Amino acid sequence: MTQPDLSEPTDVSPAPTSPPPAGSGDAGTWRKTAKVALGIVLILLGLLWTLQGADAVRIPPIMCVANCEPITGGSPGWLAIGVITMVAGLGVVGVLLRRRR
């Protein structure tokens, strides 16, 4: 039985790794960006619903199925839904921006 020659070092360098594909970026970056975009959409929708509920903005109905008529006067329900949606959007954006620091 012959023993291996240990006098010469063997090449045990790690296998070369290929760089990530161009444009892939950090896996978490696009998720954070999507969450911030969702928060901004919630803020804008909440603002619109709040203004409609307060009767500051009037938009005629679009794509009505039945006898649709515009709401005259404010709507406390839409005002509340708008405020809640706006606060939720601000919360999403605020938490994500606070984590970046």
PDB file of N, CA and C in Angstrom:
ATOM      1  N   MET A   1       0.838  -1.169   0.000  1.00  0.00           N
ATOM      2  CA  MET A   1       0.000   0.000   0.000  1.00  0.00           C
ATOM      3  C   MET A   1       0.892   1.245   0.000  1.00  0.00           C
ATOM      4  N   THR A   2       0.647   2.178  -0.902  1.00  0.00           N
ATOM      5  CA  THR A   2       1.466   3.378  -0.966  1.00  0.00           C
ATOM      6  C   THR A   2       0.726   4.524  -0.328  1.00  0.00           C
ATOM      7  N   GLN A   3       1.491   5.359   0.325  1.00  0.00           N
ATOM      8  CA  GLN A   3       0.907   6.528   0.972  1.00  0.00           C
ATOM      9  C   GLN A   3       1.026   7.729   0.053  1.00  0.00           C
ATOM     10  N   PRO A   4       0.036   8.645   0.080  1.00  0.00           N
ATOM     11  CA  PRO A   4       0.112   9.817  -0.795  1.00  0.00           C
ATOM     12  C   PRO A   4       1.263  10.727  -0.374  1.00  0.00           C
ATOM     13  N   ASP A   5       1.796  11.420  -1.347  1.00  0.00           N
ATOM     14  CA  ASP A   5       2.896  12.348  -1.091  1.00  0.00           C
ATOM     15  C   ASP A   5       2.304  13.640  -0.543  1.00  0.00           C
ATOM     16  N   LEU A   6       2.581  13.929   0.708  1.00  0.00           N
ATOM     17  CA  LEU A   6       2.031  15.117   1.364  1.00  0.00           C
ATOM     18  C   LEU A   6       3.006  16.291   1.355  1.00  0.00           C
ATOM     19  N   SER A   7       4.120  16.134   0.688  1.00  0.00           N
ATOM     20  CA  SER A   7       5.110  17.210   0.677  1.00  0.00           C
ATOM     21  C   SER A   7       4.671  18.388  -0.193  1.00  0.00           C
ATOM     22  N   GLU A   8       3.883  18.110  -1.214  1.00  0.00           N
ATOM     23  CA  GLU A   8       3.401  19.189  -2.070  1.00  0.00           C
ATOM     24  C   GLU A   8       1.964  19.523  -1.696  1.00  0.00           C
ATOM     25  N   PRO A   9       1.657  20.822  -1.489  1.00  0.00           N
ATOM     26  CA  PRO A   9       0.282  21.181  -1.130  1.00  0.00           C
ATOM     27  C   PRO A   9      -0.657  20.953  -2.320  1.00  0.00           C
ATOM     28  N   THR A  10      -1.826  20.529  -1.989  1.00  0.00           N
ATOM     29  CA  THR A  10      -2.835  20.350  -3.035  1.00  0.00           C
ATOM     30  C   THR A  10      -3.673  21.615  -3.139  1.00  0.00           C
ATOM     31  N   ASP A  11      -4.215  21.862  -4.295  1.00  0.00           N
ATOM     32  CA  ASP A  11      -5.032  23.053  -4.523  1.00  0.00           C
ATOM     33  C   ASP A  11      -6.438  22.788  -3.985  1.00  0.00           C
ATOM     34  N   VAL A  12      -6.809  23.464  -2.904  1.00  0.00           N
ATOM     35  CA  VAL A  12      -8.137  23.302  -2.318  1.00  0.00           C
ATOM     36  C   VAL A  12      -8.882  24.628  -2.299  1.00  0.00           C
ATOM     37  N   SER A  13      -8.671  25.442  -3.298  1.00  0.00           N
ATOM     38  CA  SER A  13      -9.365  26.734  -3.351  1.00  0.00           C
ATOM     39  C   SER A  13     -10.851  26.493  -3.600  1.00  0.00           C
ATOM     40  N   PRO A  14     -11.699  27.358  -3.056  1.00  0.00           N
ATOM     41  CA  PRO A  14     -13.139  27.170  -3.254  1.00  0.00           C
ATOM     42  C   PRO A  14     -13.524  27.362  -4.706  1.00  0.00           C
ATOM     43  N   ALA A  15     -14.589  26.710  -5.076  1.00  0.00           N
ATOM     44  CA  ALA A  15     -15.072  26.829  -6.445  1.00  0.00           C
ATOM     45  C   ALA A  15     -15.489  28.270  -6.697  1.00  0.00           C
ATOM     46  N   PRO A  16     -15.169  28.794  -7.860  1.00  0.00           N
ATOM     47  CA  PRO A  16     -15.558  30.182  -8.143  1.00  0.00           C
ATOM     48  C   PRO A  16     -17.084  30.318  -8.183  1.00  0.00           C
ATOM     49  N   THR A  17     -17.548  31.395  -7.622  1.00  0.00           N
ATOM     50  CA  THR A  17     -18.990  31.658  -7.641  1.00  0.00           C
ATOM     51  C   THR A  17     -19.284  32.684  -8.712  1.00  0.00           C
ATOM     52  N   SER A  18     -20.396  32.502  -9.352  1.00  0.00           N
ATOM     53  CA  SER A  18     -20.761  33.453 -10.393  1.00  0.00           C
ATOM     54  C   SER A  18     -21.489  34.629  -9.752  1.00  0.00           C
ATOM     55  N   PRO A  19     -21.318  35.831 -10.290  1.00  0.00           N
ATOM     56  CA  PRO A  19     -22.016  36.995  -9.736  1.00  0.00           C
ATOM     57  C   PRO A  19     -23.507  36.872  -9.986  1.00  0.00           C
ATOM     58  N   PRO A  20     -24.321  37.544  -9.165  1.00  0.00           N
ATOM     59  CA  PRO A  20     -25.765  37.490  -9.382  1.00  0.00           C
ATOM     60  C   PRO A  20     -26.134  38.118 -10.720  1.00  0.00           C
ATOM     61  N   PRO A  21     -27.240  37.717 -11.302  1.00  0.00           N
ATOM     62  CA  PRO A  21     -27.654  38.289 -12.581  1.00  0.00           C
ATOM     63  C   PRO A  21     -27.824  39.808 -12.477  1.00  0.00           C
ATOM     64  N   ALA A  22     -27.563  40.464 -13.567  1.00  0.00           N
ATOM     65  CA  ALA A  22     -27.679  41.925 -13.590  1.00  0.00           C
ATOM     66  C   ALA A  22     -29.101  42.351 -13.286  1.00  0.00           C
ATOM     67  N   GLY A  23     -29.229  43.334 -12.406  1.00  0.00           N
ATOM     68  CA  GLY A  23     -30.539  43.869 -12.087  1.00  0.00           C
ATOM     69  C   GLY A  23     -31.284  43.111 -11.011  1.00  0.00           C
ATOM     70  N   SER A  24     -30.682  42.025 -10.474  1.00  0.00           N
ATOM     71  CA  SER A  24     -31.421  41.267  -9.469  1.00  0.00           C
ATOM     72  C   SER A  24     -31.463  42.010  -8.142  1.00  0.00           C
ATOM     73  N   GLY A  25     -30.399  42.695  -7.775  1.00  0.00           N
ATOM     74  CA  GLY A  25     -30.391  43.489  -6.546  1.00  0.00           C
ATOM     75  C   GLY A  25     -30.592  42.639  -5.316  1.00  0.00           C
ATOM     76  N   ASP A  26     -30.730  43.275  -4.208  1.00  0.00           N
ATOM     77  CA  ASP A  26     -30.971  42.584  -2.953  1.00  0.00           C
ATOM     78  C   ASP A  26     -32.403  42.066  -2.939  1.00  0.00           C
ATOM     79  N   ALA A  27     -32.585  40.856  -2.445  1.00  0.00           N
ATOM     80  CA  ALA A  27     -33.919  40.248  -2.449  1.00  0.00           C
ATOM     81  C   ALA A  27     -34.907  41.051  -1.620  1.00  0.00           C
ATOM     82  N   GLY A  28     -34.441  41.687  -0.551  1.00  0.00           N
ATOM     83  CA  GLY A  28     -35.342  42.441   0.306  1.00  0.00           C
ATOM     84  C   GLY A  28     -35.648  43.836  -0.205  1.00  0.00           C
ATOM     85  N   THR A  29     -34.830  44.348  -1.103  1.00  0.00           N
ATOM     86  CA  THR A  29     -35.012  45.718  -1.579  1.00  0.00           C
ATOM     87  C   THR A  29     -36.311  45.886  -2.344  1.00  0.00           C
ATOM     88  N   TRP A  30     -36.620  44.975  -3.250  1.00  0.00           N
ATOM     89  CA  TRP A  30     -37.860  45.125  -4.037  1.00  0.00           C
ATOM     90  C   TRP A  30     -39.074  44.924  -3.153  1.00  0.00           C
ATOM     91  N   ARG A  31     -38.942  44.095  -2.120  1.00  0.00           N
ATOM     92  CA  ARG A  31     -40.082  43.910  -1.209  1.00  0.00           C
ATOM     93  C   ARG A  31     -40.347  45.180  -0.424  1.00  0.00           C
ATOM     94  N   LYS A  32     -39.290  45.820   0.048  1.00  0.00           N
ATOM     95  CA  LYS A  32     -39.465  47.084   0.783  1.00  0.00           C
ATOM     96  C   LYS A  32     -40.063  48.142  -0.126  1.00  0.00           C
ATOM     97  N   THR A  33     -39.582  48.185  -1.358  1.00  0.00           N
ATOM     98  CA  THR A  33     -40.103  49.160  -2.315  1.00  0.00           C
ATOM     99  C   THR A  33     -41.585  48.901  -2.585  1.00  0.00           C
ATOM    100  N   ALA A  34     -41.959  47.634  -2.724  1.00  0.00           N
ATOM    101  CA  ALA A  34     -43.369  47.301  -2.961  1.00  0.00           C
ATOM    102  C   ALA A  34     -44.227  47.685  -1.753  1.00  0.00           C
ATOM    103  N   LYS A  35     -43.708  47.477  -0.556  1.00  0.00           N
ATOM    104  CA  LYS A  35     -44.468  47.825   0.645  1.00  0.00           C
ATOM    105  C   LYS A  35     -44.623  49.332   0.785  1.00  0.00           C
ATOM    106  N   VAL A  36     -43.566  50.078   0.452  1.00  0.00           N
ATOM    107  CA  VAL A  36     -43.670  51.536   0.492  1.00  0.00           C
ATOM    108  C   VAL A  36     -44.679  52.013  -0.545  1.00  0.00           C
ATOM    109  N   ALA A  37     -44.655  51.417  -1.739  1.00  0.00           N
ATOM    110  CA  ALA A  37     -45.622  51.787  -2.778  1.00  0.00           C
ATOM    111  C   ALA A  37     -47.050  51.479  -2.321  1.00  0.00           C
ATOM    112  N   LEU A  38     -47.245  50.323  -1.667  1.00  0.00           N
ATOM    113  CA  LEU A  38     -48.560  49.986  -1.139  1.00  0.00           C
ATOM    114  C   LEU A  38     -48.997  51.006  -0.093  1.00  0.00           C
ATOM    115  N   GLY A  39     -48.084  51.408   0.773  1.00  0.00           N
ATOM    116  CA  GLY A  39     -48.412  52.411   1.782  1.00  0.00           C
ATOM    117  C   GLY A  39     -48.809  53.738   1.161  1.00  0.00           C
ATOM    118  N   ILE A  40     -48.105  54.130   0.113  1.00  0.00           N
ATOM    119  CA  ILE A  40     -48.424  55.393  -0.560  1.00  0.00           C
ATOM    120  C   ILE A  40     -49.796  55.316  -1.230  1.00  0.00           C
ATOM    121  N   VAL A  41     -50.111  54.171  -1.850  1.00  0.00           N
ATOM    122  CA  VAL A  41     -51.431  53.996  -2.468  1.00  0.00           C
ATOM    123  C   VAL A  41     -52.520  54.076  -1.400  1.00  0.00           C
ATOM    124  N   LEU A  42     -52.286  53.446  -0.237  1.00  0.00           N
ATOM    125  CA  LEU A  42     -53.269  53.518   0.849  1.00  0.00           C
ATOM    126  C   LEU A  42     -53.457  54.949   1.335  1.00  0.00           C
ATOM    127  N   ILE A  43     -52.371  55.690   1.432  1.00  0.00           N
ATOM    128  CA  ILE A  43     -52.466  57.090   1.867  1.00  0.00           C
ATOM    129  C   ILE A  43     -53.296  57.899   0.877  1.00  0.00           C
ATOM    130  N   LEU A  44     -53.021  57.728  -0.419  1.00  0.00           N
ATOM    131  CA  LEU A  44     -53.743  58.497  -1.437  1.00  0.00           C
ATOM    132  C   LEU A  44     -55.222  58.107  -1.499  1.00  0.00           C
ATOM    133  N   LEU A  45     -55.524  56.805  -1.423  1.00  0.00           N
ATOM    134  CA  LEU A  45     -56.927  56.391  -1.409  1.00  0.00           C
ATOM    135  C   LEU A  45     -57.637  56.904  -0.167  1.00  0.00           C
ATOM    136  N   GLY A  46     -56.955  56.815   0.972  1.00  0.00           N
ATOM    137  CA  GLY A  46     -57.543  57.320   2.211  1.00  0.00           C
ATOM    138  C   GLY A  46     -57.832  58.806   2.137  1.00  0.00           C
ATOM    139  N   LEU A  47     -56.901  59.547   1.531  1.00  0.00           N
ATOM    140  CA  LEU A  47     -57.106  60.988   1.370  1.00  0.00           C
ATOM    141  C   LEU A  47     -58.314  61.264   0.476  1.00  0.00           C
ATOM    142  N   LEU A  48     -58.419  60.529  -0.643  1.00  0.00           N
ATOM    143  CA  LEU A  48     -59.548  60.715  -1.546  1.00  0.00           C
ATOM    144  C   LEU A  48     -60.867  60.396  -0.840  1.00  0.00           C
ATOM    145  N   TRP A  49     -60.916  59.267  -0.129  1.00  0.00           N
ATOM    146  CA  TRP A  49     -62.152  58.880   0.553  1.00  0.00           C
ATOM    147  C   TRP A  49     -62.503  59.845   1.673  1.00  0.00           C
ATOM    148  N   THR A  50     -61.473  60.371   2.339  1.00  0.00           N
ATOM    149  CA  THR A  50     -61.729  61.357   3.395  1.00  0.00           C
ATOM    150  C   THR A  50     -62.331  62.625   2.805  1.00  0.00           C
ATOM    151  N   LEU A  51     -61.755  63.095   1.716  1.00  0.00           N
ATOM    152  CA  LEU A  51     -62.269  64.307   1.078  1.00  0.00           C
ATOM    153  C   LEU A  51     -63.674  64.090   0.522  1.00  0.00           C
ATOM    154  N   GLN A  52     -63.939  62.910  -0.035  1.00  0.00           N
ATOM    155  CA  GLN A  52     -65.286  62.626  -0.530  1.00  0.00           C
ATOM    156  C   GLN A  52     -66.271  62.535   0.633  1.00  0.00           C
ATOM    157  N   GLY A  53     -65.859  61.916   1.723  1.00  0.00           N
ATOM    158  CA  GLY A  53     -66.733  61.803   2.884  1.00  0.00           C
ATOM    159  C   GLY A  53     -67.031  63.142   3.519  1.00  0.00           C
ATOM    160  N   ALA A  54     -66.075  64.074   3.421  1.00  0.00           N
ATOM    161  CA  ALA A  54     -66.265  65.419   3.965  1.00  0.00           C
ATOM    162  C   ALA A  54     -66.963  66.339   2.968  1.00  0.00           C
ATOM    163  N   ASP A  55     -67.310  65.825   1.792  1.00  0.00           N
ATOM    164  CA  ASP A  55     -67.976  66.568   0.724  1.00  0.00           C
ATOM    165  C   ASP A  55     -67.103  67.696   0.182  1.00  0.00           C
ATOM    166  N   ALA A  56     -65.777  67.482   0.216  1.00  0.00           N
ATOM    167  CA  ALA A  56     -64.862  68.461  -0.369  1.00  0.00           C
ATOM    168  C   ALA A  56     -64.575  68.138  -1.832  1.00  0.00           C
ATOM    169  N   VAL A  57     -64.768  66.873  -2.220  1.00  0.00           N
ATOM    170  CA  VAL A  57     -64.539  66.429  -3.596  1.00  0.00           C
ATOM    171  C   VAL A  57     -65.771  65.649  -4.042  1.00  0.00           C
ATOM    172  N   ARG A  58     -66.236  65.956  -5.237  1.00  0.00           N
ATOM    173  CA  ARG A  58     -67.383  65.225  -5.792  1.00  0.00           C
ATOM    174  C   ARG A  58     -66.968  64.611  -7.122  1.00  0.00           C
ATOM    175  N   ILE A  59     -67.063  63.289  -7.191  1.00  0.00           N
ATOM    176  CA  ILE A  59     -66.739  62.568  -8.420  1.00  0.00           C
ATOM    177  C   ILE A  59     -67.989  61.795  -8.828  1.00  0.00           C
ATOM    178  N   PRO A  60     -68.439  61.963 -10.068  1.00  0.00           N
ATOM    179  CA  PRO A  60     -69.642  61.238 -10.495  1.00  0.00           C
ATOM    180  C   PRO A  60     -69.364  59.734 -10.550  1.00  0.00           C
ATOM    181  N   PRO A  61     -70.397  58.924 -10.355  1.00  0.00           N
ATOM    182  CA  PRO A  61     -70.229  57.472 -10.404  1.00  0.00           C
ATOM    183  C   PRO A  61     -69.719  57.011 -11.770  1.00  0.00           C
ATOM    184  N   ILE A  62     -68.893  55.994 -11.757  1.00  0.00           N
ATOM    185  CA  ILE A  62     -68.329  55.431 -12.976  1.00  0.00           C
ATOM    186  C   ILE A  62     -68.741  53.963 -13.038  1.00  0.00           C
ATOM    187  N   MET A  63     -69.120  53.483 -14.205  1.00  0.00           N
ATOM    188  CA  MET A  63     -69.485  52.086 -14.422  1.00  0.00           C
ATOM    189  C   MET A  63     -70.609  51.623 -13.493  1.00  0.00           C
ATOM    190  N   CYS A  64     -71.704  52.301 -13.523  1.00  0.00           N
ATOM    191  CA  CYS A  64     -72.849  51.917 -12.699  1.00  0.00           C
ATOM    192  C   CYS A  64     -73.552  50.716 -13.310  1.00  0.00           C
ATOM    193  N   VAL A  65     -74.034  49.832 -12.456  1.00  0.00           N
ATOM    194  CA  VAL A  65     -74.779  48.669 -12.905  1.00  0.00           C
ATOM    195  C   VAL A  65     -76.273  48.954 -12.844  1.00  0.00           C
ATOM    196  N   ALA A  66     -76.680  49.649 -11.809  1.00  0.00           N
ATOM    197  CA  ALA A  66     -78.107  49.949 -11.621  1.00  0.00           C
ATOM    198  C   ALA A  66     -78.288  51.463 -11.630  1.00  0.00           C
ATOM    199  N   ASN A  67     -79.344  51.937 -11.068  1.00  0.00           N
ATOM    200  CA  ASN A  67     -79.676  53.352 -11.022  1.00  0.00           C
ATOM    201  C   ASN A  67     -78.736  54.067 -10.047  1.00  0.00           C
ATOM    202  N   CYS A  68     -77.557  54.448 -10.521  1.00  0.00           N
ATOM    203  CA  CYS A  68     -76.566  55.104  -9.660  1.00  0.00           C
ATOM    204  C   CYS A  68     -76.735  56.615  -9.707  1.00  0.00           C
ATOM    205  N   GLU A  69     -76.737  57.204  -8.560  1.00  0.00           N
ATOM    206  CA  GLU A  69     -76.808  58.654  -8.464  1.00  0.00           C
ATOM    207  C   GLU A  69     -75.688  59.123  -7.555  1.00  0.00           C
ATOM    208  N   PRO A  70     -75.122  60.274  -7.837  1.00  0.00           N
ATOM    209  CA  PRO A  70     -74.049  60.766  -6.979  1.00  0.00           C
ATOM    210  C   PRO A  70     -74.547  61.048  -5.563  1.00  0.00           C
ATOM    211  N   ILE A  71     -73.674  60.833  -4.620  1.00  0.00           N
ATOM    212  CA  ILE A  71     -74.009  61.113  -3.220  1.00  0.00           C
ATOM    213  C   ILE A  71     -73.972  62.622  -3.022  1.00  0.00           C
ATOM    214  N   THR A  72     -75.017  63.158  -2.459  1.00  0.00           N
ATOM    215  CA  THR A  72     -75.038  64.593  -2.162  1.00  0.00           C
ATOM    216  C   THR A  72     -74.814  64.765  -0.668  1.00  0.00           C
ATOM    217  N   GLY A  73     -73.954  65.679  -0.333  1.00  0.00           N
ATOM    218  CA  GLY A  73     -73.612  65.879   1.073  1.00  0.00           C
ATOM    219  C   GLY A  73     -72.519  64.921   1.497  1.00  0.00           C
ATOM    220  N   GLY A  74     -71.994  65.148   2.670  1.00  0.00           N
ATOM    221  CA  GLY A  74     -70.920  64.302   3.181  1.00  0.00           C
ATOM    222  C   GLY A  74     -71.419  62.938   3.612  1.00  0.00           C
ATOM    223  N   SER A  75     -70.498  62.043   3.802  1.00  0.00           N
ATOM    224  CA  SER A  75     -70.823  60.697   4.241  1.00  0.00           C
ATOM    225  C   SER A  75     -69.899  60.331   5.398  1.00  0.00           C
ATOM    226  N   PRO A  76     -70.417  60.260   6.613  1.00  0.00           N
ATOM    227  CA  PRO A  76     -69.559  59.935   7.767  1.00  0.00           C
ATOM    228  C   PRO A  76     -68.886  58.574   7.635  1.00  0.00           C
ATOM    229  N   GLY A  77     -69.540  57.638   6.965  1.00  0.00           N
ATOM    230  CA  GLY A  77     -68.936  56.315   6.772  1.00  0.00           C
ATOM    231  C   GLY A  77     -67.670  56.386   5.943  1.00  0.00           C
ATOM    232  N   TRP A  78     -67.752  57.093   4.792  1.00  0.00           N
ATOM    233  CA  TRP A  78     -66.581  57.224   3.933  1.00  0.00           C
ATOM    234  C   TRP A  78     -65.511  58.101   4.575  1.00  0.00           C
ATOM    235  N   LEU A  79     -65.925  59.060   5.364  1.00  0.00           N
ATOM    236  CA  LEU A  79     -64.958  59.889   6.082  1.00  0.00           C
ATOM    237  C   LEU A  79     -64.145  59.022   7.044  1.00  0.00           C
ATOM    238  N   ALA A  80     -64.823  58.149   7.790  1.00  0.00           N
ATOM    239  CA  ALA A  80     -64.139  57.276   8.748  1.00  0.00           C
ATOM    240  C   ALA A  80     -63.252  56.255   8.031  1.00  0.00           C
ATOM    241  N   ILE A  81     -63.776  55.657   6.950  1.00  0.00           N
ATOM    242  CA  ILE A  81     -62.988  54.686   6.194  1.00  0.00           C
ATOM    243  C   ILE A  81     -61.739  55.355   5.612  1.00  0.00           C
ATOM    244  N   GLY A  82     -61.882  56.566   5.130  1.00  0.00           N
ATOM    245  CA  GLY A  82     -60.739  57.292   4.576  1.00  0.00           C
ATOM    246  C   GLY A  82     -59.674  57.575   5.619  1.00  0.00           C
ATOM    247  N   VAL A  83     -60.095  58.009   6.787  1.00  0.00           N
ATOM    248  CA  VAL A  83     -59.124  58.308   7.848  1.00  0.00           C
ATOM    249  C   VAL A  83     -58.403  57.031   8.274  1.00  0.00           C
ATOM    250  N   ILE A  84     -59.150  55.939   8.439  1.00  0.00           N
ATOM    251  CA  ILE A  84     -58.536  54.673   8.851  1.00  0.00           C
ATOM    252  C   ILE A  84     -57.548  54.179   7.798  1.00  0.00           C
ATOM    253  N   THR A  85     -57.921  54.285   6.529  1.00  0.00           N
ATOM    254  CA  THR A  85     -57.040  53.852   5.443  1.00  0.00           C
ATOM    255  C   THR A  85     -55.780  54.714   5.380  1.00  0.00           C
ATOM    256  N   MET A  86     -55.951  56.016   5.574  1.00  0.00           N
ATOM    257  CA  MET A  86     -54.800  56.913   5.564  1.00  0.00           C
ATOM    258  C   MET A  86     -53.838  56.594   6.708  1.00  0.00           C
ATOM    259  N   VAL A  87     -54.377  56.352   7.896  1.00  0.00           N
ATOM    260  CA  VAL A  87     -53.542  56.022   9.052  1.00  0.00           C
ATOM    261  C   VAL A  87     -52.813  54.697   8.818  1.00  0.00           C
ATOM    262  N   ALA A  88     -53.493  53.719   8.214  1.00  0.00           N
ATOM    263  CA  ALA A  88     -52.851  52.436   7.911  1.00  0.00           C
ATOM    264  C   ALA A  88     -51.694  52.632   6.927  1.00  0.00           C
ATOM    265  N   GLY A  89     -51.915  53.437   5.904  1.00  0.00           N
ATOM    266  CA  GLY A  89     -50.845  53.710   4.937  1.00  0.00           C
ATOM    267  C   GLY A  89     -49.678  54.434   5.567  1.00  0.00           C
ATOM    268  N   LEU A  90     -49.974  55.402   6.425  1.00  0.00           N
ATOM    269  CA  LEU A  90     -48.896  56.109   7.121  1.00  0.00           C
ATOM    270  C   LEU A  90     -48.128  55.163   8.037  1.00  0.00           C
ATOM    271  N   GLY A  91     -48.845  54.224   8.649  1.00  0.00           N
ATOM    272  CA  GLY A  91     -48.190  53.239   9.503  1.00  0.00           C
ATOM    273  C   GLY A  91     -47.251  52.342   8.721  1.00  0.00           C
ATOM    274  N   VAL A  92     -47.687  51.866   7.567  1.00  0.00           N
ATOM    275  CA  VAL A  92     -46.842  50.999   6.732  1.00  0.00           C
ATOM    276  C   VAL A  92     -45.586  51.741   6.302  1.00  0.00           C
ATOM    277  N   VAL A  93     -45.744  52.936   5.782  1.00  0.00           N
ATOM    278  CA  VAL A  93     -44.596  53.707   5.312  1.00  0.00           C
ATOM    279  C   VAL A  93     -43.694  54.104   6.489  1.00  0.00           C
ATOM    280  N   GLY A  94     -44.287  54.509   7.596  1.00  0.00           N
ATOM    281  CA  GLY A  94     -43.504  54.928   8.759  1.00  0.00           C
ATOM    282  C   GLY A  94     -42.658  53.813   9.323  1.00  0.00           C
ATOM    283  N   VAL A  95     -43.228  52.616   9.450  1.00  0.00           N
ATOM    284  CA  VAL A  95     -42.474  51.476   9.984  1.00  0.00           C
ATOM    285  C   VAL A  95     -41.322  51.124   9.056  1.00  0.00           C
ATOM    286  N   LEU A  96     -41.573  51.099   7.756  1.00  0.00           N
ATOM    287  CA  LEU A  96     -40.522  50.730   6.809  1.00  0.00           C
ATOM    288  C   LEU A  96     -39.407  51.766   6.760  1.00  0.00           C
ATOM    289  N   LEU A  97     -39.750  53.041   6.803  1.00  0.00           N
ATOM    290  CA  LEU A  97     -38.724  54.076   6.773  1.00  0.00           C
ATOM    291  C   LEU A  97     -37.939  54.128   8.076  1.00  0.00           C
ATOM    292  N   ARG A  98     -38.580  53.820   9.181  1.00  0.00           N
ATOM    293  CA  ARG A  98     -37.892  53.809  10.477  1.00  0.00           C
ATOM    294  C   ARG A  98     -36.884  52.654  10.531  1.00  0.00           C
ATOM    295  N   ARG A  99     -37.204  51.519   9.893  1.00  0.00           N
ATOM    296  CA  ARG A  99     -36.289  50.360   9.871  1.00  0.00           C
ATOM    297  C   ARG A  99     -35.049  50.637   9.049  1.00  0.00           C
ATOM    298  N   ARG A 100     -35.129  51.501   8.071  1.00  0.00           N
ATOM    299  CA  ARG A 100     -33.956  51.795   7.202  1.00  0.00           C
ATOM    300  C   ARG A 100     -32.864  52.532   7.951  1.00  0.00           C
ATOM    301  N   ARG A 101     -33.217  53.227   8.995  1.00  0.00           N
ATOM    302  CA  ARG A 101     -32.211  54.012   9.739  1.00  0.00           C
ATOM    303  C   ARG A 101     -31.401  53.157  10.618  1.00  0.00           C
TER     304      ARG A 101
END
